[in-house]
Amino acid sequence: MTAEPTARLRAICLALPEATEKEAWGDPTFRVRDKIFAMEKRGDGRISLWCKAPPGSQEILVGAAPERFFVPPYVGRKGWIGLRLDDDPDWDEVAEVVKRSYRLIAPKRLARSVE
């Protein structure tokens, strides 16, 4: 497995205001004020991004593109989504998903600073 998806995801996440990286559960997590807005996961044999999504988005995304999106364990019941990163993802789409999650988690002032 290549580290490239991790490096690209890291660059997207850490470009956001006050974003930090902290390892948890053996994987990198990306946080704002110590609240997780994105996680890279590898435990199930695929490389994926897990992040928060607005209410209703999980059903729409997974329903429309189940080859790319999935309901992750543990946090899926809270509306989080999984997005595969090991299958040549659209990195603009990955960046939008990450930014949306960041805006949902970050304090209002920081969230407003991200387009």
PDB file of N, CA and C in Angstrom:
ATOM      1  N   MET A   1       0.836  -1.190   0.000  1.00  0.00           N
ATOM      2  CA  MET A   1       0.000   0.000   0.000  1.00  0.00           C
ATOM      3  C   MET A   1       0.879   1.250   0.000  1.00  0.00           C
ATOM      4  N   THR A   2       0.413   2.219  -0.718  1.00  0.00           N
ATOM      5  CA  THR A   2       1.164   3.462  -0.835  1.00  0.00           C
ATOM      6  C   THR A   2       0.764   4.440   0.273  1.00  0.00           C
ATOM      7  N   ALA A   3       1.684   5.278   0.615  1.00  0.00           N
ATOM      8  CA  ALA A   3       1.393   6.311   1.609  1.00  0.00           C
ATOM      9  C   ALA A   3       0.779   7.541   0.954  1.00  0.00           C
ATOM     10  N   GLU A   4       0.691   7.524  -0.390  1.00  0.00           N
ATOM     11  CA  GLU A   4       0.225   8.720  -1.084  1.00  0.00           C
ATOM     12  C   GLU A   4      -1.158   9.181  -0.635  1.00  0.00           C
ATOM     13  N   PRO A   5      -2.174   8.299  -0.495  1.00  0.00           N
ATOM     14  CA  PRO A   5      -3.468   8.801  -0.018  1.00  0.00           C
ATOM     15  C   PRO A   5      -3.353   9.487   1.339  1.00  0.00           C
ATOM     16  N   THR A   6      -2.520   8.950   2.219  1.00  0.00           N
ATOM     17  CA  THR A   6      -2.341   9.560   3.536  1.00  0.00           C
ATOM     18  C   THR A   6      -1.741  10.949   3.391  1.00  0.00           C
ATOM     19  N   ALA A   7      -0.724  11.089   2.559  1.00  0.00           N
ATOM     20  CA  ALA A   7      -0.071  12.388   2.366  1.00  0.00           C
ATOM     21  C   ALA A   7      -1.037  13.400   1.769  1.00  0.00           C
ATOM     22  N   ARG A   8      -1.837  12.974   0.806  1.00  0.00           N
ATOM     23  CA  ARG A   8      -2.790  13.903   0.185  1.00  0.00           C
ATOM     24  C   ARG A   8      -3.877  14.305   1.169  1.00  0.00           C
ATOM     25  N   LEU A   9      -4.388  13.331   1.929  1.00  0.00           N
ATOM     26  CA  LEU A   9      -5.406  13.637   2.932  1.00  0.00           C
ATOM     27  C   LEU A   9      -4.842  14.567   4.001  1.00  0.00           C
ATOM     28  N   ARG A  10      -3.626  14.294   4.448  1.00  0.00           N
ATOM     29  CA  ARG A  10      -2.968  15.132   5.457  1.00  0.00           C
ATOM     30  C   ARG A  10      -2.863  16.572   4.958  1.00  0.00           C
ATOM     31  N   ALA A  11      -2.455  16.758   3.707  1.00  0.00           N
ATOM     32  CA  ALA A  11      -2.306  18.105   3.150  1.00  0.00           C
ATOM     33  C   ALA A  11      -3.648  18.837   3.134  1.00  0.00           C
ATOM     34  N   ILE A  12      -4.716  18.151   2.765  1.00  0.00           N
ATOM     35  CA  ILE A  12      -6.056  18.756   2.738  1.00  0.00           C
ATOM     36  C   ILE A  12      -6.480  19.158   4.153  1.00  0.00           C
ATOM     37  N   CYS A  13      -6.344  18.238   5.089  1.00  0.00           N
ATOM     38  CA  CYS A  13      -6.812  18.477   6.454  1.00  0.00           C
ATOM     39  C   CYS A  13      -6.012  19.558   7.163  1.00  0.00           C
ATOM     40  N   LEU A  14      -4.692  19.490   7.066  1.00  0.00           N
ATOM     41  CA  LEU A  14      -3.850  20.409   7.820  1.00  0.00           C
ATOM     42  C   LEU A  14      -3.819  21.812   7.226  1.00  0.00           C
ATOM     43  N   ALA A  15      -4.380  21.993   6.028  1.00  0.00           N
ATOM     44  CA  ALA A  15      -4.492  23.330   5.441  1.00  0.00           C
ATOM     45  C   ALA A  15      -5.633  24.127   6.078  1.00  0.00           C
ATOM     46  N   LEU A  16      -6.494  23.465   6.839  1.00  0.00           N
ATOM     47  CA  LEU A  16      -7.640  24.132   7.460  1.00  0.00           C
ATOM     48  C   LEU A  16      -7.203  24.853   8.742  1.00  0.00           C
ATOM     49  N   PRO A  17      -7.870  25.948   9.089  1.00  0.00           N
ATOM     50  CA  PRO A  17      -7.457  26.752  10.245  1.00  0.00           C
ATOM     51  C   PRO A  17      -7.429  25.948  11.551  1.00  0.00           C
ATOM     52  N   GLU A  18      -6.292  26.041  12.249  1.00  0.00           N
ATOM     53  CA  GLU A  18      -6.080  25.416  13.556  1.00  0.00           C
ATOM     54  C   GLU A  18      -6.186  23.887  13.533  1.00  0.00           C
ATOM     55  N   ALA A  19      -6.111  23.277  12.359  1.00  0.00           N
ATOM     56  CA  ALA A  19      -6.188  21.811  12.272  1.00  0.00           C
ATOM     57  C   ALA A  19      -4.892  21.190  12.788  1.00  0.00           C
ATOM     58  N   THR A  20      -5.041  20.072  13.497  1.00  0.00           N
ATOM     59  CA  THR A  20      -3.896  19.330  14.006  1.00  0.00           C
ATOM     60  C   THR A  20      -4.090  17.853  13.691  1.00  0.00           C
ATOM     61  N   GLU A  21      -3.005  17.116  13.750  1.00  0.00           N
ATOM     62  CA  GLU A  21      -3.050  15.673  13.532  1.00  0.00           C
ATOM     63  C   GLU A  21      -2.649  14.980  14.828  1.00  0.00           C
ATOM     64  N   LYS A  22      -3.374  13.928  15.164  1.00  0.00           N
ATOM     65  CA  LYS A  22      -3.069  13.151  16.359  1.00  0.00           C
ATOM     66  C   LYS A  22      -3.408  11.698  16.062  1.00  0.00           C
ATOM     67  N   GLU A  23      -2.481  10.794  16.370  1.00  0.00           N
ATOM     68  CA  GLU A  23      -2.761   9.382  16.136  1.00  0.00           C
ATOM     69  C   GLU A  23      -3.708   8.867  17.207  1.00  0.00           C
ATOM     70  N   ALA A  24      -4.702   8.098  16.774  1.00  0.00           N
ATOM     71  CA  ALA A  24      -5.642   7.451  17.699  1.00  0.00           C
ATOM     72  C   ALA A  24      -6.084   6.143  17.068  1.00  0.00           C
ATOM     73  N   TRP A  25      -6.185   5.109  17.867  1.00  0.00           N
ATOM     74  CA  TRP A  25      -6.594   3.785  17.373  1.00  0.00           C
ATOM     75  C   TRP A  25      -5.681   3.306  16.241  1.00  0.00           C
ATOM     76  N   GLY A  26      -4.426   3.739  16.244  1.00  0.00           N
ATOM     77  CA  GLY A  26      -3.452   3.309  15.244  1.00  0.00           C
ATOM     78  C   GLY A  26      -3.547   4.013  13.908  1.00  0.00           C
ATOM     79  N   ASP A  27      -4.397   5.029  13.805  1.00  0.00           N
ATOM     80  CA  ASP A  27      -4.584   5.748  12.545  1.00  0.00           C
ATOM     81  C   ASP A  27      -4.484   7.251  12.794  1.00  0.00           C
ATOM     82  N   PRO A  28      -4.154   8.019  11.732  1.00  0.00           N
ATOM     83  CA  PRO A  28      -4.136   9.469  11.897  1.00  0.00           C
ATOM     84  C   PRO A  28      -5.560  10.019  12.017  1.00  0.00           C
ATOM     85  N   THR A  29      -5.753  10.931  12.974  1.00  0.00           N
ATOM     86  CA  THR A  29      -7.011  11.668  13.065  1.00  0.00           C
ATOM     87  C   THR A  29      -6.679  13.137  12.914  1.00  0.00           C
ATOM     88  N   PHE A  30      -7.618  13.881  12.369  1.00  0.00           N
ATOM     89  CA  PHE A  30      -7.419  15.305  12.140  1.00  0.00           C
ATOM     90  C   PHE A  30      -8.468  16.049  12.952  1.00  0.00           C
ATOM     91  N   ARG A  31      -8.006  17.044  13.696  1.00  0.00           N
ATOM     92  CA  ARG A  31      -8.845  17.688  14.700  1.00  0.00           C
ATOM     93  C   ARG A  31      -8.769  19.201  14.612  1.00  0.00           C
ATOM     94  N   VAL A  32      -9.824  19.810  15.125  1.00  0.00           N
ATOM     95  CA  VAL A  32      -9.831  21.246  15.360  1.00  0.00           C
ATOM     96  C   VAL A  32     -10.255  21.424  16.813  1.00  0.00           C
ATOM     97  N   ARG A  33      -9.409  22.077  17.591  1.00  0.00           N
ATOM     98  CA  ARG A  33      -9.635  22.244  19.033  1.00  0.00           C
ATOM     99  C   ARG A  33      -9.924  20.892  19.701  1.00  0.00           C
ATOM    100  N   ASP A  34      -9.164  19.897  19.308  1.00  0.00           N
ATOM    101  CA  ASP A  34      -9.207  18.524  19.820  1.00  0.00           C
ATOM    102  C   ASP A  34     -10.498  17.766  19.518  1.00  0.00           C
ATOM    103  N   LYS A  35     -11.305  18.269  18.592  1.00  0.00           N
ATOM    104  CA  LYS A  35     -12.491  17.540  18.140  1.00  0.00           C
ATOM    105  C   LYS A  35     -12.190  16.972  16.760  1.00  0.00           C
ATOM    106  N   ILE A  36     -12.416  15.676  16.580  1.00  0.00           N
ATOM    107  CA  ILE A  36     -12.097  15.009  15.309  1.00  0.00           C
ATOM    108  C   ILE A  36     -13.074  15.435  14.217  1.00  0.00           C
ATOM    109  N   PHE A  37     -12.508  15.855  13.074  1.00  0.00           N
ATOM    110  CA  PHE A  37     -13.349  16.136  11.907  1.00  0.00           C
ATOM    111  C   PHE A  37     -13.054  15.173  10.760  1.00  0.00           C
ATOM    112  N   ALA A  38     -11.939  14.442  10.823  1.00  0.00           N
ATOM    113  CA  ALA A  38     -11.609  13.467   9.774  1.00  0.00           C
ATOM    114  C   ALA A  38     -10.643  12.433  10.337  1.00  0.00           C
ATOM    115  N   MET A  39     -10.788  11.193   9.850  1.00  0.00           N
ATOM    116  CA  MET A  39      -9.890  10.105  10.250  1.00  0.00           C
ATOM    117  C   MET A  39      -9.553   9.287   9.013  1.00  0.00           C
ATOM    118  N   GLU A  40      -8.300   8.892   8.908  1.00  0.00           N
ATOM    119  CA  GLU A  40      -7.945   7.899   7.900  1.00  0.00           C
ATOM    120  C   GLU A  40      -7.985   6.541   8.587  1.00  0.00           C
ATOM    121  N   LYS A  41      -8.623   5.569   7.951  1.00  0.00           N
ATOM    122  CA  LYS A  41      -8.735   4.233   8.536  1.00  0.00           C
ATOM    123  C   LYS A  41      -8.219   3.196   7.538  1.00  0.00           C
ATOM    124  N   ARG A  42      -7.534   2.178   8.086  1.00  0.00           N
ATOM    125  CA  ARG A  42      -6.993   1.091   7.263  1.00  0.00           C
ATOM    126  C   ARG A  42      -7.330  -0.286   7.815  1.00  0.00           C
ATOM    127  N   GLY A  43      -8.030  -0.358   8.920  1.00  0.00           N
ATOM    128  CA  GLY A  43      -8.219  -1.622   9.627  1.00  0.00           C
ATOM    129  C   GLY A  43      -8.975  -2.700   8.887  1.00  0.00           C
ATOM    130  N   ASP A  44      -9.779  -2.332   7.891  1.00  0.00           N
ATOM    131  CA  ASP A  44     -10.573  -3.343   7.187  1.00  0.00           C
ATOM    132  C   ASP A  44      -9.957  -3.735   5.851  1.00  0.00           C
ATOM    133  N   GLY A  45      -8.690  -3.394   5.645  1.00  0.00           N
ATOM    134  CA  GLY A  45      -8.006  -3.782   4.412  1.00  0.00           C
ATOM    135  C   GLY A  45      -8.127  -2.776   3.289  1.00  0.00           C
ATOM    136  N   ARG A  46      -8.865  -1.708   3.508  1.00  0.00           N
ATOM    137  CA  ARG A  46      -8.946  -0.643   2.502  1.00  0.00           C
ATOM    138  C   ARG A  46      -8.544   0.664   3.181  1.00  0.00           C
ATOM    139  N   ILE A  47      -8.113   1.624   2.378  1.00  0.00           N
ATOM    140  CA  ILE A  47      -7.783   2.943   2.913  1.00  0.00           C
ATOM    141  C   ILE A  47      -9.026   3.808   2.731  1.00  0.00           C
ATOM    142  N   SER A  48      -9.473   4.405   3.817  1.00  0.00           N
ATOM    143  CA  SER A  48     -10.668   5.232   3.711  1.00  0.00           C
ATOM    144  C   SER A  48     -10.581   6.439   4.625  1.00  0.00           C
ATOM    145  N   LEU A  49     -11.436   7.394   4.332  1.00  0.00           N
ATOM    146  CA  LEU A  49     -11.636   8.594   5.119  1.00  0.00           C
ATOM    147  C   LEU A  49     -12.974   8.443   5.818  1.00  0.00           C
ATOM    148  N   TRP A  50     -13.002   8.727   7.117  1.00  0.00           N
ATOM    149  CA  TRP A  50     -14.261   8.787   7.854  1.00  0.00           C
ATOM    150  C   TRP A  50     -14.429  10.230   8.301  1.00  0.00           C
ATOM    151  N   CYS A  51     -15.615  10.798   8.107  1.00  0.00           N
ATOM    152  CA  CYS A  51     -15.852  12.161   8.586  1.00  0.00           C
ATOM    153  C   CYS A  51     -17.327  12.434   8.767  1.00  0.00           C
ATOM    154  N   LYS A  52     -17.606  13.502   9.487  1.00  0.00           N
ATOM    155  CA  LYS A  52     -18.973  13.903   9.794  1.00  0.00           C
ATOM    156  C   LYS A  52     -19.635  14.438   8.531  1.00  0.00           C
ATOM    157  N   ALA A  53     -20.934  14.183   8.423  1.00  0.00           N
ATOM    158  CA  ALA A  53     -21.707  14.683   7.283  1.00  0.00           C
ATOM    159  C   ALA A  53     -22.999  15.302   7.813  1.00  0.00           C
ATOM    160  N   PRO A  54     -23.569  16.242   7.069  1.00  0.00           N
ATOM    161  CA  PRO A  54     -24.827  16.847   7.504  1.00  0.00           C
ATOM    162  C   PRO A  54     -25.949  15.804   7.561  1.00  0.00           C
ATOM    163  N   PRO A  55     -26.990  16.067   8.362  1.00  0.00           N
ATOM    164  CA  PRO A  55     -28.111  15.131   8.450  1.00  0.00           C
ATOM    165  C   PRO A  55     -28.667  14.805   7.060  1.00  0.00           C
ATOM    166  N   GLY A  56     -28.889  13.518   6.811  1.00  0.00           N
ATOM    167  CA  GLY A  56     -29.440  13.078   5.533  1.00  0.00           C
ATOM    168  C   GLY A  56     -28.410  12.779   4.462  1.00  0.00           C
ATOM    169  N   SER A  57     -27.199  13.311   4.595  1.00  0.00           N
ATOM    170  CA  SER A  57     -26.171  13.121   3.557  1.00  0.00           C
ATOM    171  C   SER A  57     -25.711  11.671   3.456  1.00  0.00           C
ATOM    172  N   GLN A  58     -25.604  10.997   4.597  1.00  0.00           N
ATOM    173  CA  GLN A  58     -25.107   9.625   4.599  1.00  0.00           C
ATOM    174  C   GLN A  58     -25.950   8.749   3.663  1.00  0.00           C
ATOM    175  N   GLU A  59     -27.267   8.797   3.815  1.00  0.00           N
ATOM    176  CA  GLU A  59     -28.149   7.966   2.992  1.00  0.00           C
ATOM    177  C   GLU A  59     -28.032   8.325   1.519  1.00  0.00           C
ATOM    178  N   ILE A  60     -27.953   9.620   1.237  1.00  0.00           N
ATOM    179  CA  ILE A  60     -27.868  10.077  -0.157  1.00  0.00           C
ATOM    180  C   ILE A  60     -26.563   9.613  -0.799  1.00  0.00           C
ATOM    181  N   LEU A  61     -25.434   9.856  -0.122  1.00  0.00           N
ATOM    182  CA  LEU A  61     -24.126   9.515  -0.702  1.00  0.00           C
ATOM    183  C   LEU A  61     -23.941   8.011  -0.863  1.00  0.00           C
ATOM    184  N   VAL A  62     -24.268   7.252   0.196  1.00  0.00           N
ATOM    185  CA  VAL A  62     -24.097   5.794   0.129  1.00  0.00           C
ATOM    186  C   VAL A  62     -25.059   5.208  -0.917  1.00  0.00           C
ATOM    187  N   GLY A  63     -26.269   5.741  -0.976  1.00  0.00           N
ATOM    188  CA  GLY A  63     -27.243   5.259  -1.953  1.00  0.00           C
ATOM    189  C   GLY A  63     -26.830   5.549  -3.388  1.00  0.00           C
ATOM    190  N   ALA A  64     -26.237   6.724  -3.597  1.00  0.00           N
ATOM    191  CA  ALA A  64     -25.866   7.142  -4.954  1.00  0.00           C
ATOM    192  C   ALA A  64     -24.576   6.503  -5.440  1.00  0.00           C
ATOM    193  N   ALA A  65     -23.630   6.222  -4.534  1.00  0.00           N
ATOM    194  CA  ALA A  65     -22.309   5.723  -4.951  1.00  0.00           C
ATOM    195  C   ALA A  65     -21.759   4.742  -3.913  1.00  0.00           C
ATOM    196  N   PRO A  66     -22.401   3.563  -3.770  1.00  0.00           N
ATOM    197  CA  PRO A  66     -21.944   2.612  -2.747  1.00  0.00           C
ATOM    198  C   PRO A  66     -20.553   2.046  -3.002  1.00  0.00           C
ATOM    199  N   GLU A  67     -20.021   2.222  -4.206  1.00  0.00           N
ATOM    200  CA  GLU A  67     -18.657   1.765  -4.479  1.00  0.00           C
ATOM    201  C   GLU A  67     -17.633   2.733  -3.883  1.00  0.00           C
ATOM    202  N   ARG A  68     -18.056   3.972  -3.594  1.00  0.00           N
ATOM    203  CA  ARG A  68     -17.148   4.978  -3.018  1.00  0.00           C
ATOM    204  C   ARG A  68     -17.465   5.292  -1.566  1.00  0.00           C
ATOM    205  N   PHE A  69     -18.749   5.403  -1.242  1.00  0.00           N
ATOM    206  CA  PHE A  69     -19.170   5.801   0.103  1.00  0.00           C
ATOM    207  C   PHE A  69     -19.737   4.616   0.864  1.00  0.00           C
ATOM    208  N   PHE A  70     -19.577   4.626   2.192  1.00  0.00           N
ATOM    209  CA  PHE A  70     -20.129   3.567   3.033  1.00  0.00           C
ATOM    210  C   PHE A  70     -20.414   4.129   4.421  1.00  0.00           C
ATOM    211  N   VAL A  71     -21.188   3.353   5.180  1.00  0.00           N
ATOM    212  CA  VAL A  71     -21.488   3.722   6.563  1.00  0.00           C
ATOM    213  C   VAL A  71     -20.401   3.092   7.433  1.00  0.00           C
ATOM    214  N   PRO A  72     -19.557   3.899   8.057  1.00  0.00           N
ATOM    215  CA  PRO A  72     -18.468   3.335   8.863  1.00  0.00           C
ATOM    216  C   PRO A  72     -18.990   2.772  10.192  1.00  0.00           C
ATOM    217  N   PRO A  73     -18.305   1.764  10.728  1.00  0.00           N
ATOM    218  CA  PRO A  73     -18.697   1.263  12.041  1.00  0.00           C
ATOM    219  C   PRO A  73     -18.477   2.332  13.115  1.00  0.00           C
ATOM    220  N   TYR A  74     -19.133   2.156  14.243  1.00  0.00           N
ATOM    221  CA  TYR A  74     -18.999   3.028  15.417  1.00  0.00           C
ATOM    222  C   TYR A  74     -19.612   4.415  15.214  1.00  0.00           C
ATOM    223  N   VAL A  75     -19.105   5.184  14.261  1.00  0.00           N
ATOM    224  CA  VAL A  75     -19.572   6.560  14.082  1.00  0.00           C
ATOM    225  C   VAL A  75     -20.657   6.695  13.014  1.00  0.00           C
ATOM    226  N   GLY A  76     -20.897   5.636  12.265  1.00  0.00           N
ATOM    227  CA  GLY A  76     -21.922   5.674  11.222  1.00  0.00           C
ATOM    228  C   GLY A  76     -23.303   5.976  11.771  1.00  0.00           C
ATOM    229  N   ARG A  77     -23.604   5.465  12.951  1.00  0.00           N
ATOM    230  CA  ARG A  77     -24.918   5.717  13.552  1.00  0.00           C
ATOM    231  C   ARG A  77     -25.109   7.183  13.922  1.00  0.00           C
ATOM    232  N   LYS A  78     -23.995   7.932  13.976  1.00  0.00           N
ATOM    233  CA  LYS A  78     -24.068   9.372  14.251  1.00  0.00           C
ATOM    234  C   LYS A  78     -24.081  10.183  12.952  1.00  0.00           C
ATOM    235  N   GLY A  79     -24.244   9.511  11.818  1.00  0.00           N
ATOM    236  CA  GLY A  79     -24.337  10.207  10.539  1.00  0.00           C
ATOM    237  C   GLY A  79     -23.023  10.395   9.807  1.00  0.00           C
ATOM    238  N   TRP A  80     -21.926   9.850  10.356  1.00  0.00           N
ATOM    239  CA  TRP A  80     -20.639   9.979   9.675  1.00  0.00           C
ATOM    240  C   TRP A  80     -20.646   9.132   8.404  1.00  0.00           C
ATOM    241  N   ILE A  81     -19.781   9.488   7.463  1.00  0.00           N
ATOM    242  CA  ILE A  81     -19.641   8.732   6.222  1.00  0.00           C
ATOM    243  C   ILE A  81     -18.221   8.219   6.079  1.00  0.00           C
ATOM    244  N   GLY A  82     -18.094   7.146   5.319  1.00  0.00           N
ATOM    245  CA  GLY A  82     -16.793   6.637   4.913  1.00  0.00           C
ATOM    246  C   GLY A  82     -16.636   6.867   3.422  1.00  0.00           C
ATOM    247  N   LEU A  83     -15.431   7.215   3.000  1.00  0.00           N
ATOM    248  CA  LEU A  83     -15.121   7.436   1.584  1.00  0.00           C
ATOM    249  C   LEU A  83     -13.823   6.711   1.270  1.00  0.00           C
ATOM    250  N   ARG A  84     -13.876   5.804   0.286  1.00  0.00           N
ATOM    251  CA  ARG A  84     -12.674   5.044  -0.071  1.00  0.00           C
ATOM    252  C   ARG A  84     -11.622   5.957  -0.691  1.00  0.00           C
ATOM    253  N   LEU A  85     -10.381   5.759  -0.243  1.00  0.00           N
ATOM    254  CA  LEU A  85      -9.258   6.541  -0.773  1.00  0.00           C
ATOM    255  C   LEU A  85      -8.290   5.679  -1.580  1.00  0.00           C
ATOM    256  N   ASP A  86      -8.506   4.365  -1.605  1.00  0.00           N
ATOM    257  CA  ASP A  86      -7.549   3.459  -2.259  1.00  0.00           C
ATOM    258  C   ASP A  86      -7.956   3.098  -3.686  1.00  0.00           C
ATOM    259  N   ASP A  87      -8.964   3.777  -4.198  1.00  0.00           N
ATOM    260  CA  ASP A  87      -9.494   3.424  -5.512  1.00  0.00           C
ATOM    261  C   ASP A  87      -9.532   4.662  -6.411  1.00  0.00           C
ATOM    262  N   ASP A  88      -8.402   5.388  -6.462  1.00  0.00           N
ATOM    263  CA  ASP A  88      -8.257   6.584  -7.296  1.00  0.00           C
ATOM    264  C   ASP A  88      -9.408   7.559  -7.093  1.00  0.00           C
ATOM    265  N   PRO A  89      -9.539   8.108  -5.869  1.00  0.00           N
ATOM    266  CA  PRO A  89     -10.657   9.009  -5.597  1.00  0.00           C
ATOM    267  C   PRO A  89     -10.517  10.338  -6.324  1.00  0.00           C
ATOM    268  N   ASP A  90     -11.626  11.051  -6.418  1.00  0.00           N
ATOM    269  CA  ASP A  90     -11.634  12.426  -6.915  1.00  0.00           C
ATOM    270  C   ASP A  90     -11.197  13.290  -5.737  1.00  0.00           C
ATOM    271  N   TRP A  91      -9.972  13.788  -5.777  1.00  0.00           N
ATOM    272  CA  TRP A  91      -9.417  14.512  -4.627  1.00  0.00           C
ATOM    273  C   TRP A  91     -10.114  15.840  -4.377  1.00  0.00           C
ATOM    274  N   ASP A  92     -10.734  16.432  -5.408  1.00  0.00           N
ATOM    275  CA  ASP A  92     -11.540  17.633  -5.180  1.00  0.00           C
ATOM    276  C   ASP A  92     -12.766  17.268  -4.337  1.00  0.00           C
ATOM    277  N   GLU A  93     -13.367  16.116  -4.632  1.00  0.00           N
ATOM    278  CA  GLU A  93     -14.497  15.642  -3.841  1.00  0.00           C
ATOM    279  C   GLU A  93     -14.062  15.338  -2.402  1.00  0.00           C
ATOM    280  N   VAL A  94     -12.907  14.699  -2.244  1.00  0.00           N
ATOM    281  CA  VAL A  94     -12.379  14.412  -0.905  1.00  0.00           C
ATOM    282  C   VAL A  94     -12.220  15.726  -0.133  1.00  0.00           C
ATOM    283  N   ALA A  95     -11.650  16.735  -0.778  1.00  0.00           N
ATOM    284  CA  ALA A  95     -11.437  18.026  -0.112  1.00  0.00           C
ATOM    285  C   ALA A  95     -12.767  18.656   0.298  1.00  0.00           C
ATOM    286  N   GLU A  96     -13.781  18.559  -0.549  1.00  0.00           N
ATOM    287  CA  GLU A  96     -15.095  19.118  -0.205  1.00  0.00           C
ATOM    288  C   GLU A  96     -15.724  18.388   0.977  1.00  0.00           C
ATOM    289  N   VAL A  97     -15.612  17.058   0.998  1.00  0.00           N
ATOM    290  CA  VAL A  97     -16.154  16.260   2.103  1.00  0.00           C
ATOM    291  C   VAL A  97     -15.447  16.631   3.411  1.00  0.00           C
ATOM    292  N   VAL A  98     -14.118  16.784   3.349  1.00  0.00           N
ATOM    293  CA  VAL A  98     -13.342  17.152   4.539  1.00  0.00           C
ATOM    294  C   VAL A  98     -13.736  18.552   5.014  1.00  0.00           C
ATOM    295  N   LYS A  99     -13.834  19.511   4.088  1.00  0.00           N
ATOM    296  CA  LYS A  99     -14.188  20.888   4.475  1.00  0.00           C
ATOM    297  C   LYS A  99     -15.579  20.943   5.094  1.00  0.00           C
ATOM    298  N   ARG A 100     -16.504  20.182   4.540  1.00  0.00           N
ATOM    299  CA  ARG A 100     -17.873  20.163   5.079  1.00  0.00           C
ATOM    300  C   ARG A 100     -17.858  19.615   6.510  1.00  0.00           C
ATOM    301  N   SER A 101     -17.105  18.543   6.726  1.00  0.00           N
ATOM    302  CA  SER A 101     -16.998  17.968   8.068  1.00  0.00           C
ATOM    303  C   SER A 101     -16.369  18.982   9.024  1.00  0.00           C
ATOM    304  N   TYR A 102     -15.313  19.634   8.575  1.00  0.00           N
ATOM    305  CA  TYR A 102     -14.637  20.649   9.393  1.00  0.00           C
ATOM    306  C   TYR A 102     -15.633  21.734   9.808  1.00  0.00           C
ATOM    307  N   ARG A 103     -16.430  22.223   8.845  1.00  0.00           N
ATOM    308  CA  ARG A 103     -17.396  23.284   9.154  1.00  0.00           C
ATOM    309  C   ARG A 103     -18.433  22.828  10.171  1.00  0.00           C
ATOM    310  N   LEU A 104     -18.763  21.530  10.184  1.00  0.00           N
ATOM    311  CA  LEU A 104     -19.734  21.004  11.145  1.00  0.00           C
ATOM    312  C   LEU A 104     -19.137  20.880  12.552  1.00  0.00           C
ATOM    313  N   ILE A 105     -17.821  20.695  12.644  1.00  0.00           N
ATOM    314  CA  ILE A 105     -17.148  20.431  13.926  1.00  0.00           C
ATOM    315  C   ILE A 105     -16.518  21.692  14.524  1.00  0.00           C
ATOM    316  N   ALA A 106     -15.959  22.536  13.679  1.00  0.00           N
ATOM    317  CA  ALA A 106     -15.189  23.699  14.144  1.00  0.00           C
ATOM    318  C   ALA A 106     -16.079  24.734  14.822  1.00  0.00           C
ATOM    319  N   PRO A 107     -15.494  25.523  15.728  1.00  0.00           N
ATOM    320  CA  PRO A 107     -16.229  26.671  16.270  1.00  0.00           C
ATOM    321  C   PRO A 107     -16.691  27.583  15.125  1.00  0.00           C
ATOM    322  N   LYS A 108     -17.791  28.278  15.328  1.00  0.00           N
ATOM    323  CA  LYS A 108     -18.416  29.064  14.251  1.00  0.00           C
ATOM    324  C   LYS A 108     -17.456  30.016  13.542  1.00  0.00           C
ATOM    325  N   ARG A 109     -16.618  30.720  14.296  1.00  0.00           N
ATOM    326  CA  ARG A 109     -15.699  31.691  13.690  1.00  0.00           C
ATOM    327  C   ARG A 109     -14.747  30.996  12.712  1.00  0.00           C
ATOM    328  N   LEU A 110     -14.199  29.861  13.126  1.00  0.00           N
ATOM    329  CA  LEU A 110     -13.298  29.120  12.238  1.00  0.00           C
ATOM    330  C   LEU A 110     -14.061  28.517  11.074  1.00  0.00           C
ATOM    331  N   ALA A 111     -15.241  27.986  11.343  1.00  0.00           N
ATOM    332  CA  ALA A 111     -16.040  27.365  10.280  1.00  0.00           C
ATOM    333  C   ALA A 111     -16.364  28.372   9.184  1.00  0.00           C
ATOM    334  N   ARG A 112     -16.687  29.595   9.582  1.00  0.00           N
ATOM    335  CA  ARG A 112     -17.005  30.650   8.594  1.00  0.00           C
ATOM    336  C   ARG A 112     -15.805  31.017   7.739  1.00  0.00           C
ATOM    337  N   SER A 113     -14.600  30.774   8.240  1.00  0.00           N
ATOM    338  CA  SER A 113     -13.403  31.162   7.487  1.00  0.00           C
ATOM    339  C   SER A 113     -13.073  30.172   6.354  1.00  0.00           C
ATOM    340  N   VAL A 114     -13.796  29.046   6.321  1.00  0.00           N
ATOM    341  CA  VAL A 114     -13.582  28.035   5.271  1.00  0.00           C
ATOM    342  C   VAL A 114     -14.737  28.123   4.288  1.00  0.00           C
ATOM    343  N   GLU A 115     -14.410  28.414   3.033  1.00  0.00           N
ATOM    344  CA  GLU A 115     -15.448  28.703   2.026  1.00  0.00           C
ATOM    345  C   GLU A 115     -16.553  27.667   1.969  1.00  0.00           C
TER     346      GLU A 115
END
